[in-house]
Amino acid sequence: MRITKRTNIAIRVLMFCAVNTGRLVTKHEIAQRCNASENHLAQVINQLAQMGVIHTQRGRNGGLALAREPAEIEIGDIFRAMEAPVPLAECFADVDNSCPLVEVCRLKLALQEALEVFYARLDRVTLDGLVCGNDALSALLAPKCRSA
C-alpha cells in the first residue's frame, strides 16, 4: 500500500498548524517548511476546511489554523477522507475494473479486512499524539526567531 501525496501533505499541514497554535499560518509558510507546492497545498487546504478540521481566513492578514483541538483530530479520519477517491486495487474501482475474477476472488475480501485494520490502528492516533512533546518536529516547523 502506498499513501497518496495528498494525504501526506494533509498530515504535514495539520502538524504545521498544531505546532504553530495560537496564530494563523500561511500557505507560503507551509510550502517552504514542508517541501510542498502551493498548488497542491491549496487543494488539500480546501478539502481539510470542508472537513471542518481547519478554518481559513482570506485577506491580507489571512491564513489557516486548526478548527479543533489536536487531541480531537483522529488521523484515521484524515486518511479515510483523503484516500477515499483512490481505490486500493483495481477490483475496488467502480470504473475501469477489467478484472475477470472480481466476482469470485477472495483476495478482495482479505484486502478489505486489512484496510479496515489499518484504519482502525490510525483511529487510535491523534494529531496531538504526533506533535505533543515532539521537540524535533517543533524545531523544524516553528518559525525561526530573527535577531534584531
Protein backbone atom coordinates (compact mmCIF):
# COMPACT_ATOMS: atom_id res chain seq x y z
CA MET A 1 0.00 0.00 0.00
CA ARG A 2 1.22 3.48 -0.82
CA ILE A 3 -0.17 6.67 0.70
CA THR A 4 -1.06 9.39 -1.79
CA LYS A 5 0.78 12.69 -1.93
CA ARG A 6 -2.48 14.44 -0.99
CA THR A 7 -2.71 12.51 2.29
CA ASN A 8 0.95 13.08 3.05
CA ILE A 9 0.54 16.83 2.51
CA ALA A 10 -2.64 16.89 4.62
CA ILE A 11 -0.80 15.43 7.59
CA ARG A 12 2.04 17.93 7.12
CA VAL A 13 -0.47 20.81 7.06
CA LEU A 14 -2.13 19.60 10.24
CA MET A 15 1.17 19.10 12.05
CA PHE A 16 2.35 22.56 10.97
CA CYS A 17 -0.86 24.14 12.28
CA ALA A 18 -0.64 22.17 15.54
CA VAL A 19 2.96 23.23 16.16
CA ASN A 20 2.04 26.84 15.38
CA THR A 21 -1.07 27.02 17.56
CA GLY A 22 -2.29 30.47 18.52
CA ARG A 23 -1.70 32.14 15.17
CA LEU A 24 -2.80 31.93 11.57
CA VAL A 25 -0.24 30.28 9.33
CA THR A 26 0.09 30.91 5.62
CA LYS A 27 0.14 28.55 2.71
CA HIS A 28 3.52 30.02 1.74
CA GLU A 29 5.00 29.19 5.17
CA ILE A 30 3.73 25.63 4.98
CA ALA A 31 5.06 25.22 1.44
CA GLN A 32 8.54 26.35 2.50
CA ARG A 33 8.78 24.29 5.68
CA CYS A 34 7.01 21.18 4.44
CA ASN A 35 8.51 20.98 0.95
CA ALA A 36 5.17 21.09 -0.84
CA SER A 37 3.92 23.03 -3.83
CA GLU A 38 1.44 25.80 -3.12
CA ASN A 39 -0.87 24.37 -5.80
CA HIS A 40 -1.08 21.01 -4.04
CA LEU A 41 -1.44 22.79 -0.70
CA ALA A 42 -4.38 24.85 -1.94
CA GLN A 43 -6.31 21.71 -2.91
CA VAL A 44 -5.52 19.94 0.36
CA ILE A 45 -6.30 23.01 2.48
CA ASN A 46 -9.66 23.32 0.73
CA GLN A 47 -10.51 19.70 1.47
CA LEU A 48 -9.40 19.97 5.12
CA ALA A 49 -11.54 23.10 5.51
CA GLN A 50 -14.56 21.30 4.02
CA MET A 51 -13.98 18.51 6.53
CA GLY A 52 -14.08 21.07 9.36
CA VAL A 53 -10.58 20.23 10.53
CA ILE A 54 -9.09 23.63 9.76
CA HIS A 55 -10.57 27.06 9.28
CA THR A 56 -9.32 29.57 6.77
CA GLN A 57 -9.40 33.32 6.71
CA ARG A 58 -8.99 35.27 3.49
CA GLY A 59 -7.35 38.59 3.06
CA ARG A 60 -4.15 40.43 3.79
CA ASN A 61 -3.90 39.06 7.34
CA GLY A 62 -5.43 35.72 6.39
CA GLY A 63 -4.22 32.21 6.83
CA LEU A 64 -5.35 28.97 8.37
CA ALA A 65 -5.48 27.30 11.76
CA LEU A 66 -6.87 24.16 13.33
CA ALA A 67 -10.63 24.28 13.81
CA ARG A 68 -10.47 21.65 16.56
CA GLU A 69 -8.08 20.71 19.32
CA PRO A 70 -5.27 18.40 18.15
CA ALA A 71 -6.44 15.70 20.58
CA GLU A 72 -9.82 15.65 18.78
CA ILE A 73 -8.35 15.07 15.31
CA GLU A 74 -8.01 11.36 14.55
CA ILE A 75 -5.50 10.55 11.86
CA GLY A 76 -7.68 7.66 10.62
CA ASP A 77 -10.43 10.12 9.67
CA ILE A 78 -7.97 12.19 7.69
CA PHE A 79 -6.58 9.16 5.86
CA ARG A 80 -10.08 7.86 5.03
CA ALA A 81 -11.19 11.18 3.57
CA MET A 82 -8.02 11.80 1.60
CA GLU A 83 -7.59 8.24 0.31
CA ALA A 84 -11.27 7.61 -0.48
CA PRO A 85 -11.08 8.60 -4.15
CA VAL A 86 -8.16 6.21 -4.79
CA PRO A 87 -9.10 2.52 -4.98
CA LEU A 88 -6.75 0.17 -3.12
CA ALA A 89 -6.71 -2.19 -6.10
CA GLU A 90 -8.37 -2.37 -9.50
CA CYS A 91 -11.14 -4.58 -8.13
CA PHE A 92 -12.20 -1.79 -5.73
CA ALA A 93 -12.81 0.62 -8.61
CA ASP A 94 -16.31 1.14 -9.92
CA VAL A 95 -14.93 2.36 -13.22
CA ASP A 96 -12.05 0.85 -15.20
CA ASN A 97 -12.30 -2.50 -13.44
CA SER A 98 -11.39 -5.08 -16.04
CA CYS A 99 -10.50 -7.94 -13.69
CA PRO A 100 -12.45 -11.07 -14.70
CA LEU A 101 -12.04 -12.54 -11.21
CA VAL A 102 -13.80 -9.78 -9.30
CA GLU A 103 -16.96 -11.80 -8.57
CA VAL A 104 -15.11 -14.82 -7.16
CA CYS A 105 -11.78 -13.54 -5.87
CA ARG A 106 -11.17 -13.90 -2.14
CA LEU A 107 -8.19 -11.55 -2.21
CA LYS A 108 -10.52 -8.56 -2.38
CA LEU A 109 -12.10 -9.58 0.94
CA ALA A 110 -8.68 -10.06 2.55
CA LEU A 111 -7.55 -6.65 1.28
CA GLN A 112 -10.74 -5.04 2.60
CA GLU A 113 -10.16 -6.59 6.03
CA ALA A 114 -6.52 -5.47 6.03
CA LEU A 115 -7.57 -1.94 5.12
CA GLU A 116 -10.07 -1.86 7.98
CA VAL A 117 -7.34 -2.97 10.42
CA PHE A 118 -5.02 -0.28 9.01
CA TYR A 119 -7.63 2.45 9.55
CA ALA A 120 -8.58 1.11 12.98
CA ARG A 121 -4.94 1.49 14.04
CA LEU A 122 -4.81 5.04 12.69
CA ASP A 123 -8.03 5.83 14.57
CA ARG A 124 -6.01 5.45 17.77
CA VAL A 125 -3.54 8.12 16.62
CA THR A 126 -4.43 11.75 17.19
CA LEU A 127 -2.76 14.85 15.85
CA ASP A 128 -1.82 15.65 19.44
CA GLY A 129 -0.02 12.30 19.66
CA LEU A 130 2.05 13.21 16.61
CA VAL A 131 3.15 16.64 17.78
CA CYS A 132 2.94 16.82 21.58
CA GLY A 133 6.41 16.53 23.09
CA ASN A 134 7.99 16.13 19.65
CA ASP A 135 10.65 18.81 20.07
CA ALA A 136 12.48 17.87 16.89
CA LEU A 137 9.28 18.37 14.88
CA SER A 138 8.62 21.69 16.59
CA ALA A 139 12.13 22.87 15.76
CA LEU A 140 11.54 22.04 12.08
CA LEU A 141 8.09 23.60 11.80
CA ALA A 142 8.12 26.57 14.19
CA PRO A 143 9.15 29.94 12.82
CA LYS A 144 12.76 30.91 13.28
CA CYS A 145 13.36 33.95 15.50
CA ARG A 146 15.07 36.83 13.76
CA SER A 147 17.72 38.74 15.68
CA ALA A 148 17.24 42.50 15.76
